[in-house]
Amino acid sequence: MAKTSFGKTNEGVEVTKYTLKNAGGMEVDILSLGAALRAIRVPDKDGNVRDVILGYDTPADYQNIRGYLGLVIGRNGNRIKDAQVTIDGVTYRLEANNNENNLHSGKDGFHSVVWEEAEADDKHVVFTHTSPDGAQGFPGEMKVTMTYTLTDAGEVVLNYRATTDKKTVANFTNHAYFNLNGHDGGSMEDQELQIFASHYTPVVDSKAIPTGEIAPVDGTPMDFREPTAIGARIRDDFEQLTFVSGYDHNYALDSSDGSLALAARARSAKSGIKMEVYTTCPGVQFYAGNFVGGQTGKDGVSYDNRQGFCLETQYFPNSVNEKNFAQPFLAPGETYESTTKYCFSVQP
């Protein structure tokens, strides 16, 4: 494990970069800022190493927040309608940073803090963060542990744990954007995706708040139960796609009993790199990077729309306000825990 300086935040706080390596030639870069997953370097079918996630070269770029590239999201991932949540009869007001709604917990979410190192060795990095009572508008002092592990089997494992002293919201995710041809590989629309979900949560309109329905994907462009090119139907005249200019929807996973189960599989025929996503979470937000363009990423690469796709494992959007959805609340004496695993291999 290599540990180096990544520079300083706008506030002058030192940011550390950790590089994990495995026996198969994979490398993973992790930052203390936002507990960010900055790089995943994977050998392709010809033995050439490709960095398969989008990212930046400076702390300032991560703090600028254009798409939350690779950052850990908390206390709540995704959207909360009307930027408010009611817990045990008390309504808590949150930052309305996405129209009148709250997205990814606002500007002071977990993505914006420099996490503390608890442990680091050749295979894993452990971060901690204590979120004060009232942070981001949520009740309770929350203590969070975030662990990254790289295995020799090509697995990047993310584990989240949290406790609280007041009932609060706990719904964490990572906002990595994948391109299996490399972060500099241009459009990823020809890459195949399979999502193990027979249902998804439709949205009301372009503000992307779910209707509350858990609808079947059968017979719609939302159906990724079989491997399908991401761009094959993304421009179809289908209301859910036109609302958000492509895919930006939560899928209700078929395996959602809390066990670690296969959620999605993606593959690039060009690079031969295959990725499988396992999670204990009930849902995964598939975002096709519809608005990621117009910014400069790692190594000066210009990122365009649909240059990366997200598979954000999580509770459903607005689940705090939808009784029809699994509830992401954490009470004192309980421990929140979730695991997501990205497994990389080569399939010529």
Foldseek 3Di string as FASTA:
>chain_A
DDKDWLAAAPVGHTKIWDWAAAPQGWIWIFILQLRFGAWIWDQFPVRDTFTWWFFARHNHVLLVDQQNARGKFDQAAAKAPQQWFADPRDIWHADCPQPSIDHSLPSQTSNGDRWDWPDDDNFKTKTKDWADACRRRWGWTKIKIWMWGQYNQQKTKIKIKMATAAKTFHKMWTRIFGAVVHLLPAANQQKWKAFQFQWWFAADALSRAGPLDTGGCPPHPVHRNDIDRQNPCQPPPDRSSVRNVGFFTKGFHPDAPQDWDWGMKIADPVRQKIKTKTKSARIWTKDQQQPSFDDATPPRRGDHRRSTIGTIGTWHHNQSPHPSTDGRMHGHPDMDMMMMMIGMDGGD
